[in-house]
């Protein structure tokens, strides 16, 4: 049987590659061992993994995180902050992970950080579990609507109809709608402190008609927020879109579908205008508020 002493050997400044190997060494010790016996030893919990299939899946997830962290220049355990882990999980949620798969990712990372001496991160993942879980999709990745304007037109609540069209015309996340500002002089939409605390700017100098419509919708939304409250609007919005999508004969995979529509239509517009594909991808990536082109590719299905 594995002993508690097996958990020694990891240091705060250990490299993430070493931490990954160390975690694998520790976690696999539970395979073939009775959970009941481990529960008795560790007060009703098990720090190990008890099946090969779960071990392979959890370590695969931990490896994905380590690779993601390294891309951002994070190479040591003591350099990892919870904000990094949460950002990673939310990025996966944005890619359309189902709630079930997102739950597995959280559990795997909680297990990983628990055995490599970062119990602080493991506890924070558990604390934010519900908040992150709700970001997952019911049926996997977010899908674009075939005819987004038909869905929008079928939304009965006028405030929700305004929110949906703004998402469609700007590619904004739902939470970004309240943070949106309009710069009329520069013909730009400013989204302050979006995901990861970043502020981004979307220029509409090449799309003046859309910009005029966005200005009108933004004014309307401010009135609705003042009258009904943002929390109430946001809470009831997804169900309004779901019902409208059903009436339009569309598949509903989340309000994020309007963001996918924006990305796909914007990319097509840029390419048809003569932009090189890579330049168009970079433009869409920036307008979506991401740093990696792979995210834009994911949205457009490239």
Foldseek 3Di string as FASTA:
>chain_A
DDDPVLLPDADQFDWLVVLLVSLLVVQCVQAPPDPVVQCVVVVHDHLHDHHPVLSVVLSVLSVVLQVVCVVVVRTGNNSDDLLSVLLVLLLQQQLAAALVVSLSSLVSVLSSCVSNVNNVSSVVSVVCVVVSSVSHWNPGGFAAWPDQVQLLVLQPDPLLSLLLVLCLLQLDDSVQLVQWDADVVQLWIWGALDPPRDIAIDHCPVPVVSSVVNVVSSVVNVVCCVVPNPVVCSVCNFVSSVVSCVVVVTDGGTSSNSSLNNLQVQLVVCVVVPDPNVVSLCSSCRSNPHDDSVSSCSSNVD
